[in-house]
Amino acid sequence: MTALQAERATLDDELAFYAKDPGKAPPKLKRQVSELTQSLAAQERFMAEQDSEIERINARFDQYLLRLLPMWRARQGSESPAPGR
């Protein structure tokens, strides 16, 4: 993502030359900016999907923990120390 942001900064510097009339910017530069904007958006979507997947997995394991804690407590309470210890 930082590589894309660095590339975006470079393109923004080039576009600054055409700040008064952006329509005069070369088509290649416009295309590069457009492609980079799309790439950044795709990266942001991917990161958002990864974050939601992490949240989903954490929620699933939190549910497992809620089910297991009572079982573990019951097991600890029913275990008696071994003879001679």
C-alpha atoms as a PDB file:
ATOM      1  CA  MET A   1       0.000   0.000   0.000  1.00  0.00           C
ATOM      2  CA  THR A   2       2.834   2.402   0.792  1.00  0.00           C
ATOM      3  CA  ALA A   3       4.347   1.758  -2.634  1.00  0.00           C
ATOM      4  CA  LEU A   4       1.052   2.780  -4.224  1.00  0.00           C
ATOM      5  CA  GLN A   5       0.894   5.868  -2.031  1.00  0.00           C
ATOM      6  CA  ALA A   6       4.455   6.808  -2.991  1.00  0.00           C
ATOM      7  CA  GLU A   7       3.568   6.383  -6.654  1.00  0.00           C
ATOM      8  CA  ARG A   8       0.481   8.518  -6.097  1.00  0.00           C
ATOM      9  CA  ALA A   9       2.628  11.258  -4.576  1.00  0.00           C
ATOM     10  CA  THR A  10       4.873  11.189  -7.639  1.00  0.00           C
ATOM     11  CA  LEU A  11       1.893  11.464  -9.984  1.00  0.00           C
ATOM     12  CA  ASP A  12       0.400  14.252  -7.872  1.00  0.00           C
ATOM     13  CA  ASP A  13       3.669  16.162  -8.235  1.00  0.00           C
ATOM     14  CA  GLU A  14       3.446  15.760 -12.005  1.00  0.00           C
ATOM     15  CA  LEU A  15      -0.212  16.847 -11.980  1.00  0.00           C
ATOM     16  CA  ALA A  16       0.707  19.950  -9.993  1.00  0.00           C
ATOM     17  CA  PHE A  17       2.318  21.266 -13.170  1.00  0.00           C
ATOM     18  CA  TYR A  18      -1.133  21.170 -14.790  1.00  0.00           C
ATOM     19  CA  ALA A  19      -2.988  22.643 -11.801  1.00  0.00           C
ATOM     20  CA  LYS A  20      -4.227  25.689 -13.703  1.00  0.00           C
ATOM     21  CA  ASP A  21      -5.693  23.596 -16.524  1.00  0.00           C
ATOM     22  CA  PRO A  22      -5.954  19.876 -15.682  1.00  0.00           C
ATOM     23  CA  GLY A  23      -7.371  19.249 -19.143  1.00  0.00           C
ATOM     24  CA  LYS A  24      -3.921  19.851 -20.612  1.00  0.00           C
ATOM     25  CA  ALA A  25      -2.418  16.935 -18.693  1.00  0.00           C
ATOM     26  CA  PRO A  26      -1.146  14.206 -21.021  1.00  0.00           C
ATOM     27  CA  PRO A  27      -3.519  11.259 -21.529  1.00  0.00           C
ATOM     28  CA  LYS A  28      -0.840   8.868 -20.256  1.00  0.00           C
ATOM     29  CA  LEU A  29      -0.639  10.760 -16.959  1.00  0.00           C
ATOM     30  CA  LYS A  30      -4.429  10.824 -16.644  1.00  0.00           C
ATOM     31  CA  ARG A  31      -4.548   7.074 -17.306  1.00  0.00           C
ATOM     32  CA  GLN A  32      -1.835   6.409 -14.728  1.00  0.00           C
ATOM     33  CA  VAL A  33      -3.718   8.439 -12.125  1.00  0.00           C
ATOM     34  CA  SER A  34      -6.944   6.613 -12.942  1.00  0.00           C
ATOM     35  CA  GLU A  35      -5.304   3.183 -12.747  1.00  0.00           C
ATOM     36  CA  LEU A  36      -3.563   4.065  -9.507  1.00  0.00           C
ATOM     37  CA  THR A  37      -6.805   5.340  -7.989  1.00  0.00           C
ATOM     38  CA  GLN A  38      -8.455   2.040  -8.905  1.00  0.00           C
ATOM     39  CA  SER A  39      -5.547   0.067  -7.437  1.00  0.00           C
ATOM     40  CA  LEU A  40      -5.707   2.020  -4.189  1.00  0.00           C
ATOM     41  CA  ALA A  41      -9.465   1.438  -3.977  1.00  0.00           C
ATOM     42  CA  ALA A  42      -8.954  -2.289  -4.572  1.00  0.00           C
ATOM     43  CA  GLN A  43      -6.303  -2.415  -1.846  1.00  0.00           C
ATOM     44  CA  GLU A  44      -8.596  -0.609   0.582  1.00  0.00           C
ATOM     45  CA  ARG A  45     -11.439  -3.036  -0.202  1.00  0.00           C
ATOM     46  CA  PHE A  46      -9.086  -5.982   0.305  1.00  0.00           C
ATOM     47  CA  MET A  47      -7.910  -4.619   3.651  1.00  0.00           C
ATOM     48  CA  ALA A  48     -11.512  -4.011   4.752  1.00  0.00           C
ATOM     49  CA  GLU A  49     -12.398  -7.591   3.800  1.00  0.00           C
ATOM     50  CA  GLN A  50      -9.418  -8.867   5.769  1.00  0.00           C
ATOM     51  CA  ASP A  51     -10.478  -6.826   8.805  1.00  0.00           C
ATOM     52  CA  SER A  52     -14.024  -8.179   8.620  1.00  0.00           C
ATOM     53  CA  GLU A  53     -12.670 -11.730   8.303  1.00  0.00           C
ATOM     54  CA  ILE A  54     -10.536 -11.185  11.414  1.00  0.00           C
ATOM     55  CA  GLU A  55     -13.590  -9.903  13.285  1.00  0.00           C
ATOM     56  CA  ARG A  56     -15.642 -12.903  12.137  1.00  0.00           C
ATOM     57  CA  ILE A  57     -12.975 -15.376  13.276  1.00  0.00           C
ATOM     58  CA  ASN A  58     -12.523 -13.615  16.622  1.00  0.00           C
ATOM     59  CA  ALA A  59     -16.284 -13.682  17.210  1.00  0.00           C
ATOM     60  CA  ARG A  60     -16.387 -17.403  16.405  1.00  0.00           C
ATOM     61  CA  PHE A  61     -13.613 -18.176  18.880  1.00  0.00           C
ATOM     62  CA  ASP A  62     -15.226 -15.941  21.503  1.00  0.00           C
ATOM     63  CA  GLN A  63     -18.364 -18.090  21.151  1.00  0.00           C
ATOM     64  CA  TYR A  64     -16.288 -21.244  21.558  1.00  0.00           C
ATOM     65  CA  LEU A  65     -14.679 -19.793  24.658  1.00  0.00           C
ATOM     66  CA  LEU A  66     -18.068 -19.003  26.188  1.00  0.00           C
ATOM     67  CA  ARG A  67     -19.089 -22.624  25.638  1.00  0.00           C
ATOM     68  CA  LEU A  68     -15.822 -24.092  26.891  1.00  0.00           C
ATOM     69  CA  LEU A  69     -15.258 -22.035  30.048  1.00  0.00           C
ATOM     70  CA  PRO A  70     -18.132 -23.652  31.996  1.00  0.00           C
ATOM     71  CA  MET A  71     -16.941 -27.096  30.892  1.00  0.00           C
ATOM     72  CA  TRP A  72     -13.389 -26.373  31.977  1.00  0.00           C
ATOM     73  CA  ARG A  73     -14.564 -25.031  35.348  1.00  0.00           C
ATOM     74  CA  ALA A  74     -16.752 -28.086  35.888  1.00  0.00           C
ATOM     75  CA  ARG A  75     -13.877 -30.367  35.028  1.00  0.00           C
ATOM     76  CA  GLN A  76     -11.513 -28.575  37.432  1.00  0.00           C
ATOM     77  CA  GLY A  77     -14.066 -28.800  40.218  1.00  0.00           C
ATOM     78  CA  SER A  78     -14.632 -32.528  39.706  1.00  0.00           C
ATOM     79  CA  GLU A  79     -10.986 -33.485  39.557  1.00  0.00           C
ATOM     80  CA  SER A  80      -9.619 -34.684  42.843  1.00  0.00           C
ATOM     81  CA  PRO A  81      -5.948 -34.652  43.634  1.00  0.00           C
ATOM     82  CA  ALA A  82      -4.137 -37.921  43.056  1.00  0.00           C
ATOM     83  CA  PRO A  83      -3.513 -40.018  46.189  1.00  0.00           C
ATOM     84  CA  GLY A  84      -0.203 -39.356  47.858  1.00  0.00           C
ATOM     85  CA  ARG A  85       0.132 -35.827  46.622  1.00  0.00           C
END
